[in-house]
Amino acid sequence: MKQELEIFFDYACPYCFQAHKYMTELIPESPHINIVWHPCESHPRPDRYGPHSDLCIQGYFFAMEQGVDPWAYHDRMYRAALKEHIDIENADILSDFVCDLVDGDAFRKVLSQGIYRRALAEANEFAFESSGVWVVPAYRMGNRKIDAVEDVGVSKEQLRRFLDVAQ
């Protein structure tokens, strides 16, 4: 039986991006794990720290409903926010950046209309109120958890040990 691994992350978080790269290496070694993704904003509006990832996360909910591979979407959003530094707060620019993964016009429309704003608010509440996440990235599996250290993140070895215990 597969164990459920919950991953809490923010596309604008460099520590989440690094941990995501670790997970892309480690998960193939852990076929007994099923990932449940929980995007959340580490600095939601009106927090003055940006860039704000709210549109990326709302786009995630749309992309998942469209059957987009979550790994491909994550890679694209991390690249947008942290490698290419595109304006992830602009729905038009973000839509053009993902148009080969999902219908760009439909993506732009749902972001402009705020169709997934409620899902974003619920995701933030679940992470920070219900799941006890203080800093992202954060991981939950059964009664075990890893929380990143602020301004440090998590190491590949921490994640490897966390996943190995689940076997």
Foldseek 3Di string as FASTA:
>chain_A
DAFEKEWEEELLDPLQVVVLVLCVVQVVVQVSYDYDYQYAWLQDPPRVDDDTQLLLVLLLVVLVVVVFDSNVSSVQSNCCNPPVNPSNVDLLVVLVSCCVRDPSVVSSVCSVVVVCVVVRVVSHCCQVPVVPANAPGKMDTPPDIDHQDPPGHDDSVVVNVVSVVSD
